[in-house]
Amino acid sequence: MRYFRIAIMTAALGAAGCAPDALNNAGATGLNGFLDQISRACAPLQYGGYQFSNPASGTSDSGYDFWLDQTSRLYYRRISPGTYSESLNSYYGAGNQGTIDCTLRNLPPG
């Protein structure tokens, strides 16, 4: 019983760490609009070996999942622009600053 409670608590803490729309992006109309905007303004959205031509359409790729989670956190002000830049460069490698800067320029005022 004790291990069951620990597993439940661990799962709850893990879910709480996700951005608000990470589990239900269909209801995130503001975020989807932002993703559409940056997919046009910053085309192509290129990070390392990944290119996201239509981010709001989604994909099952782990590179996309990481980008969506970090971009959602940025949009909802859960992380700073500096943390966003650092996390994407750490995950995808160097050479992404142009796309990151474009994303940050298009971030709505908070």
C-alpha atoms as a PDB file:
ATOM      1  CA  MET A   1       0.000   0.000   0.000  1.00  0.00           C
ATOM      2  CA  ARG A   2       2.850   2.358   0.831  1.00  0.00           C
ATOM      3  CA  TYR A   3       4.438   1.866  -2.613  1.00  0.00           C
ATOM      4  CA  PHE A   4       1.083   2.496  -4.273  1.00  0.00           C
ATOM      5  CA  ARG A   5       0.805   5.877  -2.515  1.00  0.00           C
ATOM      6  CA  ILE A   6       4.341   6.778  -3.512  1.00  0.00           C
ATOM      7  CA  ALA A   7       3.584   5.890  -7.142  1.00  0.00           C
ATOM      8  CA  ILE A   8       0.425   8.010  -7.109  1.00  0.00           C
ATOM      9  CA  MET A   9       2.250  10.962  -5.562  1.00  0.00           C
ATOM     10  CA  THR A  10       5.091  10.660  -8.071  1.00  0.00           C
ATOM     11  CA  ALA A  11       2.655  10.606 -10.985  1.00  0.00           C
ATOM     12  CA  ALA A  12       0.789  13.632  -9.621  1.00  0.00           C
ATOM     13  CA  LEU A  13       4.008  15.606  -9.152  1.00  0.00           C
ATOM     14  CA  GLY A  14       5.147  14.689 -12.661  1.00  0.00           C
ATOM     15  CA  ALA A  15       1.875  15.880 -14.176  1.00  0.00           C
ATOM     16  CA  ALA A  16       1.990  19.093 -12.158  1.00  0.00           C
ATOM     17  CA  GLY A  17       5.398  19.891 -13.668  1.00  0.00           C
ATOM     18  CA  CYS A  18       3.987  19.933 -17.197  1.00  0.00           C
ATOM     19  CA  ALA A  19       2.812  23.089 -18.865  1.00  0.00           C
ATOM     20  CA  PRO A  20      -0.968  23.652 -18.564  1.00  0.00           C
ATOM     21  CA  ASP A  21      -1.740  22.474 -22.069  1.00  0.00           C
ATOM     22  CA  ALA A  22       0.775  19.651 -22.295  1.00  0.00           C
ATOM     23  CA  LEU A  23      -1.925  17.024 -21.795  1.00  0.00           C
ATOM     24  CA  ASN A  24      -4.810  18.799 -23.536  1.00  0.00           C
ATOM     25  CA  ASN A  25      -3.577  21.107 -26.282  1.00  0.00           C
ATOM     26  CA  ALA A  26      -6.980  21.121 -28.062  1.00  0.00           C
ATOM     27  CA  GLY A  27      -8.292  23.686 -25.591  1.00  0.00           C
ATOM     28  CA  ALA A  28      -5.251  25.941 -25.823  1.00  0.00           C
ATOM     29  CA  THR A  29      -6.504  28.367 -28.456  1.00  0.00           C
ATOM     30  CA  GLY A  30      -4.086  31.135 -27.421  1.00  0.00           C
ATOM     31  CA  LEU A  31      -1.108  28.823 -27.606  1.00  0.00           C
ATOM     32  CA  ASN A  32      -2.267  27.362 -30.920  1.00  0.00           C
ATOM     33  CA  GLY A  33      -2.550  30.874 -32.346  1.00  0.00           C
ATOM     34  CA  PHE A  34       0.962  31.635 -31.139  1.00  0.00           C
ATOM     35  CA  LEU A  35       2.286  28.438 -32.710  1.00  0.00           C
ATOM     36  CA  ASP A  36       0.598  29.320 -36.010  1.00  0.00           C
ATOM     37  CA  GLN A  37       2.050  32.830 -35.846  1.00  0.00           C
ATOM     38  CA  ILE A  38       5.628  31.721 -35.255  1.00  0.00           C
ATOM     39  CA  SER A  39       5.353  28.975 -37.878  1.00  0.00           C
ATOM     40  CA  ARG A  40       4.701  31.747 -40.425  1.00  0.00           C
ATOM     41  CA  ALA A  41       6.950  34.497 -39.037  1.00  0.00           C
ATOM     42  CA  CYS A  42       9.924  32.257 -38.233  1.00  0.00           C
ATOM     43  CA  ALA A  43       9.687  29.763 -41.109  1.00  0.00           C
ATOM     44  CA  PRO A  44      11.257  27.370 -41.175  1.00  0.00           C
ATOM     45  CA  LEU A  45      11.158  26.508 -37.473  1.00  0.00           C
ATOM     46  CA  GLN A  46      14.453  24.645 -37.514  1.00  0.00           C
ATOM     47  CA  TYR A  47      16.079  23.191 -34.398  1.00  0.00           C
ATOM     48  CA  GLY A  48      19.057  20.943 -34.969  1.00  0.00           C
ATOM     49  CA  GLY A  49      17.855  18.184 -37.297  1.00  0.00           C
ATOM     50  CA  TYR A  50      14.187  18.995 -36.710  1.00  0.00           C
ATOM     51  CA  GLN A  51      11.991  21.242 -38.805  1.00  0.00           C
ATOM     52  CA  PHE A  52       8.453  22.016 -37.656  1.00  0.00           C
ATOM     53  CA  SER A  53       6.490  23.286 -40.641  1.00  0.00           C
ATOM     54  CA  ASN A  54       3.077  23.303 -38.923  1.00  0.00           C
ATOM     55  CA  PRO A  55       3.590  23.092 -35.159  1.00  0.00           C
ATOM     56  CA  ALA A  56      -0.097  23.184 -34.218  1.00  0.00           C
ATOM     57  CA  SER A  57      -0.739  19.992 -36.187  1.00  0.00           C
ATOM     58  CA  GLY A  58       1.416  17.990 -33.781  1.00  0.00           C
ATOM     59  CA  THR A  59       3.578  14.938 -34.221  1.00  0.00           C
ATOM     60  CA  SER A  60       4.722  12.056 -32.085  1.00  0.00           C
ATOM     61  CA  ASP A  61       8.425  12.850 -32.334  1.00  0.00           C
ATOM     62  CA  SER A  62      10.270  13.393 -29.046  1.00  0.00           C
ATOM     63  CA  GLY A  63      12.087  16.408 -30.502  1.00  0.00           C
ATOM     64  CA  TYR A  64       8.761  18.017 -31.258  1.00  0.00           C
ATOM     65  CA  ASP A  65       7.361  17.068 -27.850  1.00  0.00           C
ATOM     66  CA  PHE A  66      10.285  18.758 -26.100  1.00  0.00           C
ATOM     67  CA  TRP A  67       9.944  21.898 -28.235  1.00  0.00           C
ATOM     68  CA  LEU A  68       6.174  22.065 -27.658  1.00  0.00           C
ATOM     69  CA  ASP A  69       6.582  21.659 -23.902  1.00  0.00           C
ATOM     70  CA  GLN A  70       9.238  24.371 -23.690  1.00  0.00           C
ATOM     71  CA  THR A  71       7.347  26.740 -26.023  1.00  0.00           C
ATOM     72  CA  SER A  72       4.167  26.209 -24.008  1.00  0.00           C
ATOM     73  CA  ARG A  73       6.031  26.983 -20.790  1.00  0.00           C
ATOM     74  CA  LEU A  74       7.394  30.142 -22.397  1.00  0.00           C
ATOM     75  CA  TYR A  75       3.967  31.214 -23.686  1.00  0.00           C
ATOM     76  CA  TYR A  76       2.356  30.710 -20.270  1.00  0.00           C
ATOM     77  CA  ARG A  77       5.283  32.458 -18.528  1.00  0.00           C
ATOM     78  CA  ARG A  78       6.366  29.357 -16.628  1.00  0.00           C
ATOM     79  CA  ILE A  79       9.942  29.879 -17.825  1.00  0.00           C
ATOM     80  CA  SER A  80      11.874  33.001 -18.800  1.00  0.00           C
ATOM     81  CA  PRO A  81      13.081  33.753 -22.325  1.00  0.00           C
ATOM     82  CA  GLY A  82      16.635  33.079 -21.134  1.00  0.00           C
ATOM     83  CA  THR A  83      15.696  29.663 -19.768  1.00  0.00           C
ATOM     84  CA  TYR A  84      13.817  28.905 -23.005  1.00  0.00           C
ATOM     85  CA  SER A  85      16.873  29.739 -25.086  1.00  0.00           C
ATOM     86  CA  GLU A  86      19.205  27.725 -22.861  1.00  0.00           C
ATOM     87  CA  SER A  87      16.961  24.667 -22.774  1.00  0.00           C
ATOM     88  CA  LEU A  88      16.485  24.548 -26.563  1.00  0.00           C
ATOM     89  CA  ASN A  89      20.188  25.047 -27.237  1.00  0.00           C
ATOM     90  CA  SER A  90      21.029  22.355 -24.695  1.00  0.00           C
ATOM     91  CA  TYR A  91      18.570  19.874 -26.212  1.00  0.00           C
ATOM     92  CA  TYR A  92      19.076  20.532 -29.938  1.00  0.00           C
ATOM     93  CA  GLY A  93      22.640  21.838 -29.902  1.00  0.00           C
ATOM     94  CA  ALA A  94      24.038  25.204 -30.934  1.00  0.00           C
ATOM     95  CA  GLY A  95      22.941  27.076 -34.036  1.00  0.00           C
ATOM     96  CA  ASN A  96      19.289  27.678 -33.166  1.00  0.00           C
ATOM     97  CA  GLN A  97      19.491  31.249 -31.892  1.00  0.00           C
ATOM     98  CA  GLY A  98      17.926  32.831 -34.993  1.00  0.00           C
ATOM     99  CA  THR A  99      14.775  30.744 -34.647  1.00  0.00           C
ATOM    100  CA  ILE A 100      14.711  31.221 -30.884  1.00  0.00           C
ATOM    101  CA  ASP A 101      15.080  35.003 -31.250  1.00  0.00           C
ATOM    102  CA  CYS A 102      12.257  35.082 -33.795  1.00  0.00           C
ATOM    103  CA  THR A 103      10.021  33.122 -31.426  1.00  0.00           C
ATOM    104  CA  LEU A 104      10.826  35.526 -28.592  1.00  0.00           C
ATOM    105  CA  ARG A 105      10.109  38.574 -30.784  1.00  0.00           C
ATOM    106  CA  ASN A 106       6.646  37.185 -31.537  1.00  0.00           C
ATOM    107  CA  LEU A 107       5.798  36.313 -27.929  1.00  0.00           C
ATOM    108  CA  PRO A 108       2.727  38.319 -26.899  1.00  0.00           C
ATOM    109  CA  PRO A 109       3.265  40.813 -24.090  1.00  0.00           C
ATOM    110  CA  GLY A 110       2.629  39.262 -20.728  1.00  0.00           C
END
